């Protein structure tokens, strides 16, 4: 019964991930007027599901990183309790961030929650895999730094290439290009994040001793997490779309295209390298880079500061929450 509940909580986290993370993929497309919110959400949900299933079959490095990042010991019941606690902490963290319209990272909340739960189970850091945590830190660096410079560079190149093209002609081209790049961004979101949650589901099956029924296959966990993320994406996320797409930087159509293309490229590279990166960090950094390429004053630094604070508190905040919930659950009869 506990395992079933843990699976349901994990799928709930995947749903929340689609609900709060995927809007970043379509924020630029909606804010620049290329697509209506309803149509953009449908596009994102379909592309999200496609990315999850297609990339998940051919690349499993991110899944393996999530599965190996923490050791929850030999006691199956305690291990399932820890995983359940970690997922609960992610849900609480993500929904709280959504309420304030702050695009925080469920990916890093997931890692933090797992780490906090493992610390509670092992009474220290002995159950944490330092090598896998190094991958997370590399992914964080890539999502922030590469995302920013990719957005800056692509925007500069785009402006230079089309500087002599009539505005109405270039805008028509960029309208369709941005729709395509938004779909690509959503595709890569599904490719990245479905692997993380399929890794959690596989871990739950493994510690519960039933994974052998699937002959070690990741197809069922991958399909379940993919559908949950796509369903979450279909619910929208208007607050976050507004925060990223218009409040932080007022984007033109060409800038929206540059941000989406840059973010999707960074996610693709990270997925191939097996680095669990944050879609939120990648896309937001790309948007900021695009804004800086045009005019530093066009970037709302107050909004940027709020996001950075949310990112900074994710690891300690969600980690502490995962630790506390695990300690409480282990004391329950």
C-alpha atoms as a PDB file:
ATOM      1  CA  UNK A   1       0.000   0.000   0.000  1.00  0.00           C
ATOM      2  CA  UNK A   2       2.841   2.369   0.873  1.00  0.00           C
ATOM      3  CA  UNK A   3       4.522   1.628  -2.451  1.00  0.00           C
ATOM      4  CA  UNK A   4       1.307   2.395  -4.363  1.00  0.00           C
ATOM      5  CA  UNK A   5       0.949   5.694  -2.516  1.00  0.00           C
ATOM      6  CA  UNK A   6       4.582   6.560  -3.274  1.00  0.00           C
ATOM      7  CA  UNK A   7       4.060   5.821  -6.975  1.00  0.00           C
ATOM      8  CA  UNK A   8       0.978   8.072  -6.978  1.00  0.00           C
ATOM      9  CA  UNK A   9       2.887  10.877  -5.243  1.00  0.00           C
ATOM     10  CA  UNK A  10       5.704  10.531  -7.781  1.00  0.00           C
ATOM     11  CA  UNK A  11       3.234  10.800 -10.649  1.00  0.00           C
ATOM     12  CA  UNK A  12       1.743  13.826  -8.890  1.00  0.00           C
ATOM     13  CA  UNK A  13       5.202  15.411  -8.823  1.00  0.00           C
ATOM     14  CA  UNK A  14       5.595  14.656 -12.550  1.00  0.00           C
ATOM     15  CA  UNK A  15       2.194  16.260 -13.136  1.00  0.00           C
ATOM     16  CA  UNK A  16       3.230  19.354 -11.156  1.00  0.00           C
ATOM     17  CA  UNK A  17       6.462  19.421 -13.140  1.00  0.00           C
ATOM     18  CA  UNK A  18       4.514  19.657 -16.387  1.00  0.00           C
ATOM     19  CA  UNK A  19       2.205  22.211 -14.805  1.00  0.00           C
ATOM     20  CA  UNK A  20       4.955  24.543 -13.553  1.00  0.00           C
ATOM     21  CA  UNK A  21       7.973  23.777 -15.768  1.00  0.00           C
ATOM     22  CA  UNK A  22       6.551  23.330 -19.258  1.00  0.00           C
ATOM     23  CA  UNK A  23       5.008  26.838 -19.392  1.00  0.00           C
ATOM     24  CA  UNK A  24       8.589  28.089 -19.706  1.00  0.00           C
ATOM     25  CA  UNK A  25       8.713  26.390 -23.095  1.00  0.00           C
ATOM     26  CA  UNK A  26       5.790  28.393 -24.465  1.00  0.00           C
ATOM     27  CA  UNK A  27       6.168  31.624 -22.470  1.00  0.00           C
ATOM     28  CA  UNK A  28       7.951  33.481 -25.265  1.00  0.00           C
ATOM     29  CA  UNK A  29       5.585  32.202 -27.946  1.00  0.00           C
ATOM     30  CA  UNK A  30       2.520  33.390 -26.025  1.00  0.00           C
ATOM     31  CA  UNK A  31       3.937  36.729 -24.852  1.00  0.00           C
ATOM     32  CA  UNK A  32       4.992  37.752 -28.371  1.00  0.00           C
ATOM     33  CA  UNK A  33       1.544  36.938 -29.749  1.00  0.00           C
ATOM     34  CA  UNK A  34       2.606  34.096 -32.046  1.00  0.00           C
ATOM     35  CA  UNK A  35       0.061  31.744 -30.512  1.00  0.00           C
ATOM     36  CA  UNK A  36      -2.906  31.955 -28.195  1.00  0.00           C
ATOM     37  CA  UNK A  37      -2.366  30.394 -24.790  1.00  0.00           C
ATOM     38  CA  UNK A  38      -4.830  27.552 -25.392  1.00  0.00           C
ATOM     39  CA  UNK A  39      -3.198  26.526 -28.667  1.00  0.00           C
ATOM     40  CA  UNK A  40       0.317  26.893 -27.258  1.00  0.00           C
ATOM     41  CA  UNK A  41      -0.549  24.671 -24.288  1.00  0.00           C
ATOM     42  CA  UNK A  42      -1.842  21.923 -26.607  1.00  0.00           C
ATOM     43  CA  UNK A  43       1.321  22.191 -28.720  1.00  0.00           C
ATOM     44  CA  UNK A  44       3.503  21.979 -25.608  1.00  0.00           C
ATOM     45  CA  UNK A  45       1.641  18.950 -24.235  1.00  0.00           C
ATOM     46  CA  UNK A  46       1.975  16.996 -27.494  1.00  0.00           C
ATOM     47  CA  UNK A  47       5.643  17.947 -27.974  1.00  0.00           C
ATOM     48  CA  UNK A  48       6.364  17.175 -24.313  1.00  0.00           C
ATOM     49  CA  UNK A  49       4.960  13.661 -24.646  1.00  0.00           C
ATOM     50  CA  UNK A  50       6.818  13.050 -27.912  1.00  0.00           C
ATOM     51  CA  UNK A  51      10.126  14.208 -26.434  1.00  0.00           C
ATOM     52  CA  UNK A  52       9.687  12.051 -23.362  1.00  0.00           C
ATOM     53  CA  UNK A  53       8.981   8.869 -25.297  1.00  0.00           C
ATOM     54  CA  UNK A  54      11.442   9.327 -28.170  1.00  0.00           C
ATOM     55  CA  UNK A  55      14.496  10.605 -26.287  1.00  0.00           C
ATOM     56  CA  UNK A  56      13.764   8.387 -23.287  1.00  0.00           C
ATOM     57  CA  UNK A  57      14.114   5.261 -25.409  1.00  0.00           C
ATOM     58  CA  UNK A  58      17.487   6.250 -26.886  1.00  0.00           C
ATOM     59  CA  UNK A  59      19.113   8.061 -23.967  1.00  0.00           C
ATOM     60  CA  UNK A  60      18.897   6.875 -20.341  1.00  0.00           C
ATOM     61  CA  UNK A  61      21.908   8.555 -18.754  1.00  0.00           C
ATOM     62  CA  UNK A  62      19.803  11.107 -16.851  1.00  0.00           C
ATOM     63  CA  UNK A  63      17.621   8.287 -15.460  1.00  0.00           C
ATOM     64  CA  UNK A  64      20.691   6.455 -14.193  1.00  0.00           C
ATOM     65  CA  UNK A  65      22.040   9.608 -12.538  1.00  0.00           C
ATOM     66  CA  UNK A  66      18.799  10.088 -10.581  1.00  0.00           C
ATOM     67  CA  UNK A  67      18.681   6.410  -9.570  1.00  0.00           C
ATOM     68  CA  UNK A  68      22.255   6.407  -8.295  1.00  0.00           C
ATOM     69  CA  UNK A  69      22.436   9.778  -6.544  1.00  0.00           C
ATOM     70  CA  UNK A  70      21.386   8.431  -3.131  1.00  0.00           C
ATOM     71  CA  UNK A  71      21.391   5.132  -1.239  1.00  0.00           C
ATOM     72  CA  UNK A  72      18.411   4.496   1.070  1.00  0.00           C
ATOM     73  CA  UNK A  73      19.760   1.369   2.747  1.00  0.00           C
ATOM     74  CA  UNK A  74      18.676  -2.271   2.789  1.00  0.00           C
ATOM     75  CA  UNK A  75      15.362  -1.870   4.629  1.00  0.00           C
ATOM     76  CA  UNK A  76      12.742  -1.823   1.858  1.00  0.00           C
ATOM     77  CA  UNK A  77      10.053  -0.184   3.972  1.00  0.00           C
ATOM     78  CA  UNK A  78      12.360   2.613   5.116  1.00  0.00           C
ATOM     79  CA  UNK A  79      13.577   3.152   1.559  1.00  0.00           C
ATOM     80  CA  UNK A  80      10.022   3.535   0.242  1.00  0.00           C
ATOM     81  CA  UNK A  81       9.199   5.919   3.121  1.00  0.00           C
ATOM     82  CA  UNK A  82      12.226   8.024   2.206  1.00  0.00           C
ATOM     83  CA  UNK A  83      11.246   8.151  -1.471  1.00  0.00           C
ATOM     84  CA  UNK A  84       7.672   9.068  -0.552  1.00  0.00           C
ATOM     85  CA  UNK A  85       8.932  11.830   1.747  1.00  0.00           C
ATOM     86  CA  UNK A  86      11.216  13.209  -0.938  1.00  0.00           C
ATOM     87  CA  UNK A  87       8.348  13.390  -3.429  1.00  0.00           C
ATOM     88  CA  UNK A  88       6.068  15.086  -0.886  1.00  0.00           C
ATOM     89  CA  UNK A  89       8.698  17.756  -0.283  1.00  0.00           C
ATOM     90  CA  UNK A  90       8.939  18.446  -4.030  1.00  0.00           C
ATOM     91  CA  UNK A  91       5.167  18.842  -4.363  1.00  0.00           C
ATOM     92  CA  UNK A  92       5.020  21.296  -1.458  1.00  0.00           C
ATOM     93  CA  UNK A  93       7.983  23.283  -2.792  1.00  0.00           C
ATOM     94  CA  UNK A  94       6.743  23.413  -6.385  1.00  0.00           C
ATOM     95  CA  UNK A  95       3.168  24.392  -5.573  1.00  0.00           C
ATOM     96  CA  UNK A  96       4.387  27.107  -3.196  1.00  0.00           C
ATOM     97  CA  UNK A  97       6.598  28.558  -5.927  1.00  0.00           C
ATOM     98  CA  UNK A  98       3.764  28.368  -8.458  1.00  0.00           C
ATOM     99  CA  UNK A  99       1.455  30.299  -6.113  1.00  0.00           C
ATOM    100  CA  UNK A 100       3.849  33.241  -6.265  1.00  0.00           C
ATOM    101  CA  UNK A 101       4.449  32.819 -10.007  1.00  0.00           C
ATOM    102  CA  UNK A 102       8.147  32.015  -9.518  1.00  0.00           C
ATOM    103  CA  UNK A 103       9.532  29.465 -12.030  1.00  0.00           C
ATOM    104  CA  UNK A 104      11.584  27.374  -9.642  1.00  0.00           C
ATOM    105  CA  UNK A 105      13.190  24.099 -10.653  1.00  0.00           C
ATOM    106  CA  UNK A 106      11.447  20.806  -9.884  1.00  0.00           C
ATOM    107  CA  UNK A 107      14.562  19.045 -11.167  1.00  0.00           C
ATOM    108  CA  UNK A 108      16.742  20.532  -8.446  1.00  0.00           C
ATOM    109  CA  UNK A 109      13.945  20.218  -5.893  1.00  0.00           C
ATOM    110  CA  UNK A 110      13.844  16.516  -6.774  1.00  0.00           C
ATOM    111  CA  UNK A 111      17.594  16.098  -6.229  1.00  0.00           C
ATOM    112  CA  UNK A 112      17.401  18.105  -2.989  1.00  0.00           C
ATOM    113  CA  UNK A 113      14.439  16.108  -1.676  1.00  0.00           C
ATOM    114  CA  UNK A 114      16.162  12.786  -2.414  1.00  0.00           C
ATOM    115  CA  UNK A 115      19.341  14.002  -0.741  1.00  0.00           C
ATOM    116  CA  UNK A 116      17.537  15.210   2.372  1.00  0.00           C
ATOM    117  CA  UNK A 117      15.639  11.922   2.662  1.00  0.00           C
ATOM    118  CA  UNK A 118      18.851   9.891   2.268  1.00  0.00           C
ATOM    119  CA  UNK A 119      20.552  11.941   4.981  1.00  0.00           C
ATOM    120  CA  UNK A 120      17.645  11.242   7.340  1.00  0.00           C
ATOM    121  CA  UNK A 121      17.771   7.489   6.634  1.00  0.00           C
ATOM    122  CA  UNK A 122      21.557   7.157   6.939  1.00  0.00           C
ATOM    123  CA  UNK A 123      22.062   9.684   9.726  1.00  0.00           C
ATOM    124  CA  UNK A 124      24.583  11.581   7.606  1.00  0.00           C
ATOM    125  CA  UNK A 125      26.009  11.989   4.117  1.00  0.00           C
ATOM    126  CA  UNK A 126      27.274   8.415   3.723  1.00  0.00           C
ATOM    127  CA  UNK A 127      24.414   7.532   1.373  1.00  0.00           C
ATOM    128  CA  UNK A 128      25.082  10.395  -1.070  1.00  0.00           C
ATOM    129  CA  UNK A 129      26.986   9.650  -4.281  1.00  0.00           C
ATOM    130  CA  UNK A 130      29.449  12.511  -4.752  1.00  0.00           C
ATOM    131  CA  UNK A 131      30.115  11.671  -8.407  1.00  0.00           C
ATOM    132  CA  UNK A 132      26.432  11.932  -9.312  1.00  0.00           C
ATOM    133  CA  UNK A 133      26.117  15.174  -7.378  1.00  0.00           C
ATOM    134  CA  UNK A 134      29.015  16.508  -9.448  1.00  0.00           C
ATOM    135  CA  UNK A 135      26.915  15.881 -12.554  1.00  0.00           C
ATOM    136  CA  UNK A 136      24.105  17.913 -11.017  1.00  0.00           C
ATOM    137  CA  UNK A 137      26.464  20.811 -10.368  1.00  0.00           C
ATOM    138  CA  UNK A 138      27.798  20.604 -13.923  1.00  0.00           C
ATOM    139  CA  UNK A 139      24.229  20.673 -15.170  1.00  0.00           C
ATOM    140  CA  UNK A 140      23.503  23.736 -13.034  1.00  0.00           C
ATOM    141  CA  UNK A 141      26.513  25.520 -14.516  1.00  0.00           C
ATOM    142  CA  UNK A 142      25.502  24.618 -18.060  1.00  0.00           C
ATOM    143  CA  UNK A 143      21.882  25.654 -17.606  1.00  0.00           C
ATOM    144  CA  UNK A 144      22.825  29.079 -16.247  1.00  0.00           C
ATOM    145  CA  UNK A 145      25.997  30.022 -18.103  1.00  0.00           C
ATOM    146  CA  UNK A 146      25.513  28.287 -21.446  1.00  0.00           C
ATOM    147  CA  UNK A 147      21.838  29.264 -21.509  1.00  0.00           C
ATOM    148  CA  UNK A 148      22.705  32.941 -21.021  1.00  0.00           C
ATOM    149  CA  UNK A 149      25.508  33.074 -23.580  1.00  0.00           C
ATOM    150  CA  UNK A 150      23.564  31.009 -26.102  1.00  0.00           C
ATOM    151  CA  UNK A 151      20.615  33.393 -25.825  1.00  0.00           C
ATOM    152  CA  UNK A 152      22.905  36.419 -26.097  1.00  0.00           C
ATOM    153  CA  UNK A 153      24.821  35.041 -29.102  1.00  0.00           C
ATOM    154  CA  UNK A 154      21.835  33.734 -31.067  1.00  0.00           C
ATOM    155  CA  UNK A 155      19.989  37.015 -30.560  1.00  0.00           C
ATOM    156  CA  UNK A 156      22.975  39.050 -31.756  1.00  0.00           C
ATOM    157  CA  UNK A 157      23.422  36.831 -34.812  1.00  0.00           C
ATOM    158  CA  UNK A 158      19.729  36.949 -35.663  1.00  0.00           C
ATOM    159  CA  UNK A 159      19.644  40.755 -35.445  1.00  0.00           C
ATOM    160  CA  UNK A 160      22.722  41.020 -37.677  1.00  0.00           C
ATOM    161  CA  UNK A 161      21.431  38.593 -40.320  1.00  0.00           C
ATOM    162  CA  UNK A 162      18.005  40.246 -40.610  1.00  0.00           C
ATOM    163  CA  UNK A 163      19.007  43.885 -40.091  1.00  0.00           C
ATOM    164  CA  UNK A 164      18.309  44.780 -43.748  1.00  0.00           C
ATOM    165  CA  UNK A 165      15.158  42.669 -44.142  1.00  0.00           C
ATOM    166  CA  UNK A 166      11.817  44.465 -44.142  1.00  0.00           C
ATOM    167  CA  UNK A 167      10.093  44.182 -40.770  1.00  0.00           C
ATOM    168  CA  UNK A 168       6.815  42.633 -41.994  1.00  0.00           C
ATOM    169  CA  UNK A 169       8.714  39.935 -43.907  1.00  0.00           C
ATOM    170  CA  UNK A 170      10.994  39.005 -41.017  1.00  0.00           C
ATOM    171  CA  UNK A 171       8.132  38.974 -38.505  1.00  0.00           C
ATOM    172  CA  UNK A 172       6.160  36.515 -40.638  1.00  0.00           C
ATOM    173  CA  UNK A 173       9.192  34.229 -40.808  1.00  0.00           C
ATOM    174  CA  UNK A 174       9.905  34.507 -37.090  1.00  0.00           C
ATOM    175  CA  UNK A 175       6.280  33.845 -36.183  1.00  0.00           C
ATOM    176  CA  UNK A 176       6.409  30.343 -37.636  1.00  0.00           C
ATOM    177  CA  UNK A 177      10.020  29.857 -36.556  1.00  0.00           C
ATOM    178  CA  UNK A 178       9.118  30.663 -32.978  1.00  0.00           C
ATOM    179  CA  UNK A 179       6.219  28.232 -32.978  1.00  0.00           C
ATOM    180  CA  UNK A 180       8.649  25.551 -34.177  1.00  0.00           C
ATOM    181  CA  UNK A 181      11.310  26.511 -31.611  1.00  0.00           C
ATOM    182  CA  UNK A 182       8.714  26.512 -28.803  1.00  0.00           C
ATOM    183  CA  UNK A 183       7.679  23.004 -29.824  1.00  0.00           C
ATOM    184  CA  UNK A 184      11.349  21.998 -29.800  1.00  0.00           C
ATOM    185  CA  UNK A 185      11.765  23.520 -26.334  1.00  0.00           C
ATOM    186  CA  UNK A 186       8.762  21.555 -25.053  1.00  0.00           C
ATOM    187  CA  UNK A 187      10.098  18.414 -26.767  1.00  0.00           C
ATOM    188  CA  UNK A 188      13.403  18.735 -24.910  1.00  0.00           C
ATOM    189  CA  UNK A 189      11.628  19.467 -21.633  1.00  0.00           C
ATOM    190  CA  UNK A 190       9.871  16.133 -21.973  1.00  0.00           C
ATOM    191  CA  UNK A 191      13.126  14.441 -22.949  1.00  0.00           C
ATOM    192  CA  UNK A 192      14.920  15.728 -19.851  1.00  0.00           C
ATOM    193  CA  UNK A 193      12.325  15.574 -17.116  1.00  0.00           C
ATOM    194  CA  UNK A 194      10.576  12.320 -18.003  1.00  0.00           C
ATOM    195  CA  UNK A 195      13.890  10.536 -17.441  1.00  0.00           C
ATOM    196  CA  UNK A 196      14.143  11.937 -13.922  1.00  0.00           C
ATOM    197  CA  UNK A 197      10.727  10.682 -12.887  1.00  0.00           C
ATOM    198  CA  UNK A 198      11.046   7.363 -14.680  1.00  0.00           C
ATOM    199  CA  UNK A 199      14.243   6.969 -12.641  1.00  0.00           C
ATOM    200  CA  UNK A 200      12.288   7.557  -9.414  1.00  0.00           C
ATOM    201  CA  UNK A 201       9.569   5.093 -10.430  1.00  0.00           C
ATOM    202  CA  UNK A 202      12.188   2.483 -11.348  1.00  0.00           C
ATOM    203  CA  UNK A 203      13.881   3.096  -7.995  1.00  0.00           C
ATOM    204  CA  UNK A 204      10.579   2.562  -6.173  1.00  0.00           C
ATOM    205  CA  UNK A 205      10.006  -0.717  -8.021  1.00  0.00           C
ATOM    206  CA  UNK A 206      13.583  -1.764  -7.321  1.00  0.00           C
ATOM    207  CA  UNK A 207      13.589  -1.141  -3.558  1.00  0.00           C
ATOM    208  CA  UNK A 208      10.142  -2.773  -3.330  1.00  0.00           C
ATOM    209  CA  UNK A 209      11.502  -5.911  -4.985  1.00  0.00           C
ATOM    210  CA  UNK A 210       9.081  -5.957  -7.926  1.00  0.00           C
ATOM    211  CA  UNK A 211      11.211  -4.468 -10.697  1.00  0.00           C
ATOM    212  CA  UNK A 212      12.152  -7.949 -11.860  1.00  0.00           C
ATOM    213  CA  UNK A 213       8.573  -8.345 -13.159  1.00  0.00           C
ATOM    214  CA  UNK A 214       9.447  -5.770 -15.789  1.00  0.00           C
ATOM    215  CA  UNK A 215      12.717  -7.553 -16.592  1.00  0.00           C
ATOM    216  CA  UNK A 216      14.599  -4.367 -15.793  1.00  0.00           C
ATOM    217  CA  UNK A 217      12.644  -2.449 -18.443  1.00  0.00           C
ATOM    218  CA  UNK A 218      12.197   1.312 -18.117  1.00  0.00           C
ATOM    219  CA  UNK A 219       9.356   1.426 -20.648  1.00  0.00           C
ATOM    220  CA  UNK A 220       6.500   1.345 -18.111  1.00  0.00           C
ATOM    221  CA  UNK A 221       8.052   3.949 -15.746  1.00  0.00           C
ATOM    222  CA  UNK A 222       8.947   6.109 -18.750  1.00  0.00           C
ATOM    223  CA  UNK A 223       5.444   5.904 -20.237  1.00  0.00           C
ATOM    224  CA  UNK A 224       3.779   6.664 -16.890  1.00  0.00           C
ATOM    225  CA  UNK A 225       5.989   9.683 -16.132  1.00  0.00           C
ATOM    226  CA  UNK A 226       5.660  10.958 -19.709  1.00  0.00           C
ATOM    227  CA  UNK A 227       1.855  10.883 -19.604  1.00  0.00           C
ATOM    228  CA  UNK A 228       1.799  12.567 -16.183  1.00  0.00           C
ATOM    229  CA  UNK A 229       4.082  15.399 -17.363  1.00  0.00           C
ATOM    230  CA  UNK A 230       2.069  15.882 -20.561  1.00  0.00           C
ATOM    231  CA  UNK A 231      -1.174  16.008 -18.543  1.00  0.00           C
ATOM    232  CA  UNK A 232       0.349  18.633 -16.247  1.00  0.00           C
ATOM    233  CA  UNK A 233       1.498  20.649 -19.243  1.00  0.00           C
ATOM    234  CA  UNK A 234      -2.053  20.619 -20.636  1.00  0.00           C
ATOM    235  CA  UNK A 235      -3.313  22.484 -17.551  1.00  0.00           C
ATOM    236  CA  UNK A 236      -1.429  25.651 -18.580  1.00  0.00           C
ATOM    237  CA  UNK A 237       0.569  27.745 -16.144  1.00  0.00           C
ATOM    238  CA  UNK A 238      -0.459  31.289 -17.001  1.00  0.00           C
ATOM    239  CA  UNK A 239       1.237  32.918 -13.995  1.00  0.00           C
ATOM    240  CA  UNK A 240       4.654  31.576 -14.912  1.00  0.00           C
ATOM    241  CA  UNK A 241       4.149  32.368 -18.594  1.00  0.00           C
ATOM    242  CA  UNK A 242       3.481  35.983 -17.636  1.00  0.00           C
ATOM    243  CA  UNK A 243       6.501  36.147 -15.307  1.00  0.00           C
ATOM    244  CA  UNK A 244       9.011  34.714 -17.805  1.00  0.00           C
ATOM    245  CA  UNK A 245       7.484  35.911 -21.045  1.00  0.00           C
ATOM    246  CA  UNK A 246       6.574  39.503 -20.270  1.00  0.00           C
ATOM    247  CA  UNK A 247       7.324  40.684 -16.725  1.00  0.00           C
ATOM    248  CA  UNK A 248      11.032  39.792 -16.795  1.00  0.00           C
ATOM    249  CA  UNK A 249      11.821  40.880 -20.382  1.00  0.00           C
ATOM    250  CA  UNK A 250       9.531  42.371 -23.044  1.00  0.00           C
ATOM    251  CA  UNK A 251      10.374  40.147 -26.012  1.00  0.00           C
ATOM    252  CA  UNK A 252       9.952  40.750 -29.716  1.00  0.00           C
ATOM    253  CA  UNK A 253       9.148  37.813 -31.978  1.00  0.00           C
ATOM    254  CA  UNK A 254      12.756  37.421 -33.140  1.00  0.00           C
ATOM    255  CA  UNK A 255      13.937  37.500 -29.522  1.00  0.00           C
ATOM    256  CA  UNK A 256      11.409  34.850 -28.523  1.00  0.00           C
ATOM    257  CA  UNK A 257      12.731  32.635 -31.302  1.00  0.00           C
ATOM    258  CA  UNK A 258      16.322  33.190 -30.131  1.00  0.00           C
ATOM    259  CA  UNK A 259      15.444  32.322 -26.519  1.00  0.00           C
ATOM    260  CA  UNK A 260      13.576  29.128 -27.444  1.00  0.00           C
ATOM    261  CA  UNK A 261      16.228  27.897 -29.884  1.00  0.00           C
ATOM    262  CA  UNK A 262      19.008  28.573 -27.357  1.00  0.00           C
ATOM    263  CA  UNK A 263      17.199  26.860 -24.499  1.00  0.00           C
ATOM    264  CA  UNK A 264      16.309  23.792 -26.562  1.00  0.00           C
ATOM    265  CA  UNK A 265      19.893  23.445 -27.823  1.00  0.00           C
ATOM    266  CA  UNK A 266      21.288  23.562 -24.282  1.00  0.00           C
ATOM    267  CA  UNK A 267      18.782  20.937 -23.122  1.00  0.00           C
ATOM    268  CA  UNK A 268      19.680  18.679 -26.045  1.00  0.00           C
ATOM    269  CA  UNK A 269      23.400  18.871 -25.284  1.00  0.00           C
ATOM    270  CA  UNK A 270      22.805  18.241 -21.576  1.00  0.00           C
ATOM    271  CA  UNK A 271      20.577  15.226 -22.249  1.00  0.00           C
ATOM    272  CA  UNK A 272      23.179  13.630 -24.507  1.00  0.00           C
ATOM    273  CA  UNK A 273      25.811  14.189 -21.802  1.00  0.00           C
ATOM    274  CA  UNK A 274      23.556  12.634 -19.167  1.00  0.00           C
ATOM    275  CA  UNK A 275      23.393  15.814 -17.084  1.00  0.00           C
ATOM    276  CA  UNK A 276      20.129  16.423 -15.185  1.00  0.00           C
ATOM    277  CA  UNK A 277      19.576  20.124 -15.856  1.00  0.00           C
ATOM    278  CA  UNK A 278      16.702  22.429 -15.090  1.00  0.00           C
ATOM    279  CA  UNK A 279      14.415  23.438 -17.954  1.00  0.00           C
ATOM    280  CA  UNK A 280      13.431  26.497 -15.926  1.00  0.00           C
ATOM    281  CA  UNK A 281      17.016  27.636 -15.392  1.00  0.00           C
ATOM    282  CA  UNK A 282      17.967  27.007 -19.000  1.00  0.00           C
ATOM    283  CA  UNK A 283      15.041  28.868 -20.559  1.00  0.00           C
ATOM    284  CA  UNK A 284      15.111  31.745 -18.070  1.00  0.00           C
ATOM    285  CA  UNK A 285      18.862  32.227 -18.536  1.00  0.00           C
ATOM    286  CA  UNK A 286      18.376  32.233 -22.305  1.00  0.00           C
ATOM    287  CA  UNK A 287      15.641  34.885 -22.001  1.00  0.00           C
ATOM    288  CA  UNK A 288      17.912  37.046 -19.842  1.00  0.00           C
ATOM    289  CA  UNK A 289      20.744  36.613 -22.359  1.00  0.00           C
ATOM    290  CA  UNK A 290      18.443  37.727 -25.166  1.00  0.00           C
ATOM    291  CA  UNK A 291      17.402  40.753 -23.124  1.00  0.00           C
ATOM    292  CA  UNK A 292      21.017  41.723 -22.440  1.00  0.00           C
ATOM    293  CA  UNK A 293      21.836  41.385 -26.135  1.00  0.00           C
ATOM    294  CA  UNK A 294      19.225  44.013 -26.955  1.00  0.00           C
ATOM    295  CA  UNK A 295      19.459  46.403 -23.999  1.00  0.00           C
ATOM    296  CA  UNK A 296      20.378  45.715 -20.392  1.00  0.00           C
ATOM    297  CA  UNK A 297      17.661  48.141 -19.298  1.00  0.00           C
ATOM    298  CA  UNK A 298      15.016  45.956 -20.958  1.00  0.00           C
ATOM    299  CA  UNK A 299      15.611  43.276 -18.296  1.00  0.00           C
ATOM    300  CA  UNK A 300      13.640  43.626 -15.073  1.00  0.00           C
ATOM    301  CA  UNK A 301      16.437  42.966 -12.615  1.00  0.00           C
ATOM    302  CA  UNK A 302      14.010  42.801  -9.695  1.00  0.00           C
ATOM    303  CA  UNK A 303      12.255  39.802 -11.249  1.00  0.00           C
ATOM    304  CA  UNK A 304      15.634  38.231 -12.031  1.00  0.00           C
ATOM    305  CA  UNK A 305      16.659  38.720  -8.401  1.00  0.00           C
ATOM    306  CA  UNK A 306      13.493  37.005  -7.152  1.00  0.00           C
ATOM    307  CA  UNK A 307      14.190  34.014  -9.364  1.00  0.00           C
ATOM    308  CA  UNK A 308      17.819  33.755  -8.310  1.00  0.00           C
ATOM    309  CA  UNK A 309      16.787  33.778  -4.644  1.00  0.00           C
ATOM    310  CA  UNK A 310      14.266  31.010  -5.332  1.00  0.00           C
ATOM    311  CA  UNK A 311      16.956  28.979  -7.081  1.00  0.00           C
ATOM    312  CA  UNK A 312      19.443  29.528  -4.255  1.00  0.00           C
ATOM    313  CA  UNK A 313      16.978  28.343  -1.617  1.00  0.00           C
ATOM    314  CA  UNK A 314      15.808  25.282  -3.564  1.00  0.00           C
ATOM    315  CA  UNK A 315      18.649  22.953  -2.551  1.00  0.00           C
ATOM    316  CA  UNK A 316      18.771  23.780   1.182  1.00  0.00           C
ATOM    317  CA  UNK A 317      15.030  24.457   1.468  1.00  0.00           C
ATOM    318  CA  UNK A 318      13.701  21.368  -0.273  1.00  0.00           C
ATOM    319  CA  UNK A 319      16.531  19.246   1.131  1.00  0.00           C
ATOM    320  CA  UNK A 320      15.643  20.237   4.685  1.00  0.00           C
ATOM    321  CA  UNK A 321      11.976  19.600   3.942  1.00  0.00           C
ATOM    322  CA  UNK A 322      12.782  16.117   2.589  1.00  0.00           C
ATOM    323  CA  UNK A 323      14.852  15.377   5.702  1.00  0.00           C
ATOM    324  CA  UNK A 324      12.144  16.587   8.101  1.00  0.00           C
ATOM    325  CA  UNK A 325       9.276  14.744   6.390  1.00  0.00           C
ATOM    326  CA  UNK A 326      11.345  11.526   6.305  1.00  0.00           C
ATOM    327  CA  UNK A 327      12.123  11.817  10.026  1.00  0.00           C
ATOM    328  CA  UNK A 328       8.423  12.329  10.781  1.00  0.00           C
ATOM    329  CA  UNK A 329       7.220   9.469   8.567  1.00  0.00           C
ATOM    330  CA  UNK A 330       9.757   7.024  10.011  1.00  0.00           C
ATOM    331  CA  UNK A 331       8.367   7.664  13.512  1.00  0.00           C
ATOM    332  CA  UNK A 332       4.810   6.896  12.472  1.00  0.00           C
ATOM    333  CA  UNK A 333       3.500   3.405  13.345  1.00  0.00           C
END
